[in-house]
Amino acid sequence: MADPTLVLESADQQVLTRVPRALRAAPPLAPPAVQRIESNEDRRFKRASVTVELARKSPPGVVAAIATLVSGEQRTPLAWTYVRGEVPSLIIWHTPHTCEAFVETMIQPLPGQIVEIRWVDASGRLSEPGNPVKVERGSAM
């Protein structure tokens, strides 16, 4: 078997660094276990958000979550968000406010729609979709 160490050398063959080679890929991410998806509205400040409540915290290694509309056999990506650490819930979509960047092509998951959530890891791999969940109308202030 070949040496599992990668060696980076300069043009004059001086060793610059040695890095252990990954001999296998990390296991795939388990699909998200979604408890509920809720659409909330704050009429006073003219803001809306869609929150995903998870049955268990997001797993280590997850960097993003994607919300996908389910319509029969068709799947349409609607919105995505960064996942920072192991969290019990995510705001998958919100109206533009605060200092966060807002992607204008994201689409708000609406009450009554069926949505699946998928994880994305640091290598860009997608998990299998989580359980399909109907978006509920949450609080309106």
C-alpha atoms as a PDB file:
ATOM      1  CA  MET A   1       0.000   0.000   0.000  1.00  0.00           C
ATOM      2  CA  ALA A   2       1.226   3.502  -0.848  1.00  0.00           C
ATOM      3  CA  ASP A   3       2.342   5.882   1.895  1.00  0.00           C
ATOM      4  CA  PRO A   4      -0.808   7.655   3.202  1.00  0.00           C
ATOM      5  CA  THR A   5       1.086  10.933   3.635  1.00  0.00           C
ATOM      6  CA  LEU A   6       1.020  13.676   1.005  1.00  0.00           C
ATOM      7  CA  VAL A   7       4.251  15.666   0.778  1.00  0.00           C
ATOM      8  CA  LEU A   8       4.490  19.159  -0.706  1.00  0.00           C
ATOM      9  CA  GLU A   9       7.993  20.000  -1.913  1.00  0.00           C
ATOM     10  CA  SER A  10       9.541  23.184  -3.297  1.00  0.00           C
ATOM     11  CA  ALA A  11      11.161  23.341  -6.748  1.00  0.00           C
ATOM     12  CA  ASP A  12      14.508  22.428  -5.152  1.00  0.00           C
ATOM     13  CA  GLN A  13      12.909  19.387  -3.470  1.00  0.00           C
ATOM     14  CA  GLN A  14      12.823  20.829   0.028  1.00  0.00           C
ATOM     15  CA  VAL A  15       9.879  19.456   2.020  1.00  0.00           C
ATOM     16  CA  LEU A  16       7.424  22.275   2.749  1.00  0.00           C
ATOM     17  CA  THR A  17       4.771  20.260   4.540  1.00  0.00           C
ATOM     18  CA  ARG A  18       3.414  16.775   5.114  1.00  0.00           C
ATOM     19  CA  VAL A  19      -0.309  16.073   5.346  1.00  0.00           C
ATOM     20  CA  PRO A  20      -1.964  12.770   6.214  1.00  0.00           C
ATOM     21  CA  ARG A  21      -4.101  11.599   3.316  1.00  0.00           C
ATOM     22  CA  ALA A  22      -7.774  10.897   3.960  1.00  0.00           C
ATOM     23  CA  LEU A  23      -8.216   7.264   3.046  1.00  0.00           C
ATOM     24  CA  ARG A  24     -12.018   7.413   3.060  1.00  0.00           C
ATOM     25  CA  ALA A  25     -14.725   9.991   2.871  1.00  0.00           C
ATOM     26  CA  ALA A  26     -16.668  11.048   5.921  1.00  0.00           C
ATOM     27  CA  PRO A  27     -19.982   9.230   6.313  1.00  0.00           C
ATOM     28  CA  PRO A  28     -22.981  10.889   4.669  1.00  0.00           C
ATOM     29  CA  LEU A  29     -25.099  13.229   6.756  1.00  0.00           C
ATOM     30  CA  ALA A  30     -28.299  11.818   8.174  1.00  0.00           C
ATOM     31  CA  PRO A  31     -31.419  13.527   6.811  1.00  0.00           C
ATOM     32  CA  PRO A  32     -32.869  16.317   8.960  1.00  0.00           C
ATOM     33  CA  ALA A  33     -35.624  15.346  11.390  1.00  0.00           C
ATOM     34  CA  VAL A  34     -38.045  18.264  11.122  1.00  0.00           C
ATOM     35  CA  GLN A  35     -40.694  18.770  13.799  1.00  0.00           C
ATOM     36  CA  ARG A  36     -42.450  21.741  12.230  1.00  0.00           C
ATOM     37  CA  ILE A  37     -42.026  24.634   9.810  1.00  0.00           C
ATOM     38  CA  GLU A  38     -43.715  27.871  10.780  1.00  0.00           C
ATOM     39  CA  SER A  39     -44.309  31.089   8.840  1.00  0.00           C
ATOM     40  CA  ASN A  40     -44.414  34.163  11.101  1.00  0.00           C
ATOM     41  CA  GLU A  41     -45.296  37.763  10.365  1.00  0.00           C
ATOM     42  CA  ASP A  42     -44.567  40.964  12.282  1.00  0.00           C
ATOM     43  CA  ARG A  43     -46.940  43.535  10.815  1.00  0.00           C
ATOM     44  CA  ARG A  44     -45.580  46.362  12.969  1.00  0.00           C
ATOM     45  CA  PHE A  45     -42.115  46.159  11.401  1.00  0.00           C
ATOM     46  CA  LYS A  46     -43.307  44.643   8.094  1.00  0.00           C
ATOM     47  CA  ARG A  47     -41.145  41.568   8.524  1.00  0.00           C
ATOM     48  CA  ALA A  48     -41.772  37.906   7.918  1.00  0.00           C
ATOM     49  CA  SER A  49     -39.743  34.774   8.599  1.00  0.00           C
ATOM     50  CA  VAL A  50     -39.991  31.022   8.194  1.00  0.00           C
ATOM     51  CA  THR A  51     -38.572  28.931  11.033  1.00  0.00           C
ATOM     52  CA  VAL A  52     -37.686  25.234  10.927  1.00  0.00           C
ATOM     53  CA  GLU A  53     -37.879  23.472  14.295  1.00  0.00           C
ATOM     54  CA  LEU A  54     -35.783  20.312  14.393  1.00  0.00           C
ATOM     55  CA  ALA A  55     -36.504  17.128  16.375  1.00  0.00           C
ATOM     56  CA  ARG A  56     -32.775  17.001  17.162  1.00  0.00           C
ATOM     57  CA  LYS A  57     -29.979  19.529  16.736  1.00  0.00           C
ATOM     58  CA  SER A  58     -28.230  19.900  13.396  1.00  0.00           C
ATOM     59  CA  PRO A  59     -25.295  17.460  13.178  1.00  0.00           C
ATOM     60  CA  PRO A  60     -21.633  18.487  13.262  1.00  0.00           C
ATOM     61  CA  GLY A  61     -20.231  19.269   9.822  1.00  0.00           C
ATOM     62  CA  VAL A  62     -23.399  20.857   8.457  1.00  0.00           C
ATOM     63  CA  VAL A  63     -22.776  24.288   6.914  1.00  0.00           C
ATOM     64  CA  ALA A  64     -26.124  25.008   5.224  1.00  0.00           C
ATOM     65  CA  ALA A  65     -29.744  23.903   4.943  1.00  0.00           C
ATOM     66  CA  ILE A  66     -31.902  24.006   1.811  1.00  0.00           C
ATOM     67  CA  ALA A  67     -35.710  24.237   1.798  1.00  0.00           C
ATOM     68  CA  THR A  68     -37.339  22.502  -1.186  1.00  0.00           C
ATOM     69  CA  LEU A  69     -40.964  22.699  -2.271  1.00  0.00           C
ATOM     70  CA  VAL A  70     -42.578  19.279  -2.779  1.00  0.00           C
ATOM     71  CA  SER A  71     -45.242  19.104  -5.470  1.00  0.00           C
ATOM     72  CA  GLY A  72     -45.988  15.520  -6.469  1.00  0.00           C
ATOM     73  CA  GLU A  73     -42.747  14.130  -7.900  1.00  0.00           C
ATOM     74  CA  GLN A  74     -41.327  17.624  -8.538  1.00  0.00           C
ATOM     75  CA  ARG A  75     -38.847  19.281  -6.149  1.00  0.00           C
ATOM     76  CA  THR A  76     -38.140  23.035  -6.394  1.00  0.00           C
ATOM     77  CA  PRO A  77     -35.481  24.716  -4.213  1.00  0.00           C
ATOM     78  CA  LEU A  78     -36.942  27.761  -2.469  1.00  0.00           C
ATOM     79  CA  ALA A  79     -34.448  29.083   0.072  1.00  0.00           C
ATOM     80  CA  TRP A  80     -31.300  28.234   1.997  1.00  0.00           C
ATOM     81  CA  THR A  81     -29.493  29.397   5.118  1.00  0.00           C
ATOM     82  CA  TYR A  82     -26.127  29.002   6.797  1.00  0.00           C
ATOM     83  CA  VAL A  83     -26.010  26.632   9.749  1.00  0.00           C
ATOM     84  CA  ARG A  84     -23.647  27.826  12.445  1.00  0.00           C
ATOM     85  CA  GLY A  85     -22.952  25.018  14.889  1.00  0.00           C
ATOM     86  CA  GLU A  86     -25.357  22.462  16.277  1.00  0.00           C
ATOM     87  CA  VAL A  87     -28.685  24.284  16.469  1.00  0.00           C
ATOM     88  CA  PRO A  88     -32.258  23.207  17.399  1.00  0.00           C
ATOM     89  CA  SER A  89     -33.954  25.524  14.879  1.00  0.00           C
ATOM     90  CA  LEU A  90     -33.206  27.554  11.738  1.00  0.00           C
ATOM     91  CA  ILE A  91     -34.622  30.656  10.119  1.00  0.00           C
ATOM     92  CA  ILE A  92     -34.709  29.330   6.557  1.00  0.00           C
ATOM     93  CA  TRP A  93     -36.151  32.541   5.041  1.00  0.00           C
ATOM     94  CA  HIS A  94     -36.776  36.115   6.176  1.00  0.00           C
ATOM     95  CA  THR A  95     -37.605  39.464   4.664  1.00  0.00           C
ATOM     96  CA  PRO A  96     -34.568  41.696   4.175  1.00  0.00           C
ATOM     97  CA  HIS A  97     -33.666  43.362   7.462  1.00  0.00           C
ATOM     98  CA  THR A  98     -30.676  43.517   9.789  1.00  0.00           C
ATOM     99  CA  CYS A  99     -27.113  43.441   8.502  1.00  0.00           C
ATOM    100  CA  GLU A 100     -27.317  39.946   6.998  1.00  0.00           C
ATOM    101  CA  ALA A 101     -26.926  39.576   3.273  1.00  0.00           C
ATOM    102  CA  PHE A 102     -30.192  38.734   1.541  1.00  0.00           C
ATOM    103  CA  VAL A 103     -30.387  36.665  -1.621  1.00  0.00           C
ATOM    104  CA  GLU A 104     -33.181  38.212  -3.683  1.00  0.00           C
ATOM    105  CA  THR A 105     -33.912  35.039  -5.635  1.00  0.00           C
ATOM    106  CA  MET A 106     -34.982  33.120  -2.520  1.00  0.00           C
ATOM    107  CA  ILE A 107     -38.678  32.302  -2.330  1.00  0.00           C
ATOM    108  CA  GLN A 108     -40.685  32.311   0.884  1.00  0.00           C
ATOM    109  CA  PRO A 109     -42.135  28.900   1.822  1.00  0.00           C
ATOM    110  CA  LEU A 110     -45.848  29.676   2.289  1.00  0.00           C
ATOM    111  CA  PRO A 111     -48.365  28.258   4.773  1.00  0.00           C
ATOM    112  CA  GLY A 112     -49.972  25.132   3.339  1.00  0.00           C
ATOM    113  CA  GLN A 113     -47.000  24.225   1.121  1.00  0.00           C
ATOM    114  CA  ILE A 114     -45.148  20.940   1.683  1.00  0.00           C
ATOM    115  CA  VAL A 115     -41.409  21.465   2.200  1.00  0.00           C
ATOM    116  CA  GLU A 116     -38.390  19.196   2.677  1.00  0.00           C
ATOM    117  CA  ILE A 117     -35.109  20.270   4.268  1.00  0.00           C
ATOM    118  CA  ARG A 118     -31.685  18.951   3.220  1.00  0.00           C
ATOM    119  CA  TRP A 119     -28.280  19.457   4.826  1.00  0.00           C
ATOM    120  CA  VAL A 120     -25.117  20.529   2.993  1.00  0.00           C
ATOM    121  CA  ASP A 121     -21.720  19.670   4.469  1.00  0.00           C
ATOM    122  CA  ALA A 122     -18.402  21.500   4.070  1.00  0.00           C
ATOM    123  CA  SER A 123     -17.570  19.353   1.002  1.00  0.00           C
ATOM    124  CA  GLY A 124     -20.809  20.389  -0.713  1.00  0.00           C
ATOM    125  CA  ARG A 125     -22.472  16.991  -0.285  1.00  0.00           C
ATOM    126  CA  LEU A 126     -26.252  16.940   0.132  1.00  0.00           C
ATOM    127  CA  SER A 127     -28.019  14.763   2.659  1.00  0.00           C
ATOM    128  CA  GLU A 128     -31.135  12.861   1.751  1.00  0.00           C
ATOM    129  CA  PRO A 129     -34.220  15.035   2.255  1.00  0.00           C
ATOM    130  CA  GLY A 130     -35.851  15.140   5.656  1.00  0.00           C
ATOM    131  CA  ASN A 131     -39.482  14.272   6.212  1.00  0.00           C
ATOM    132  CA  PRO A 132     -41.919  16.387   4.145  1.00  0.00           C
ATOM    133  CA  VAL A 133     -43.632  18.948   6.408  1.00  0.00           C
ATOM    134  CA  LYS A 134     -46.573  21.271   5.781  1.00  0.00           C
ATOM    135  CA  VAL A 135     -45.705  24.920   6.506  1.00  0.00           C
ATOM    136  CA  GLU A 136     -47.939  26.202   9.312  1.00  0.00           C
ATOM    137  CA  ARG A 137     -49.144  29.749   9.840  1.00  0.00           C
ATOM    138  CA  GLY A 138     -47.501  30.981  13.004  1.00  0.00           C
ATOM    139  CA  SER A 139     -47.890  34.125  15.000  1.00  0.00           C
ATOM    140  CA  ALA A 140     -48.799  37.476  13.502  1.00  0.00           C
ATOM    141  CA  MET A 141     -47.957  40.545  15.540  1.00  0.00           C
END
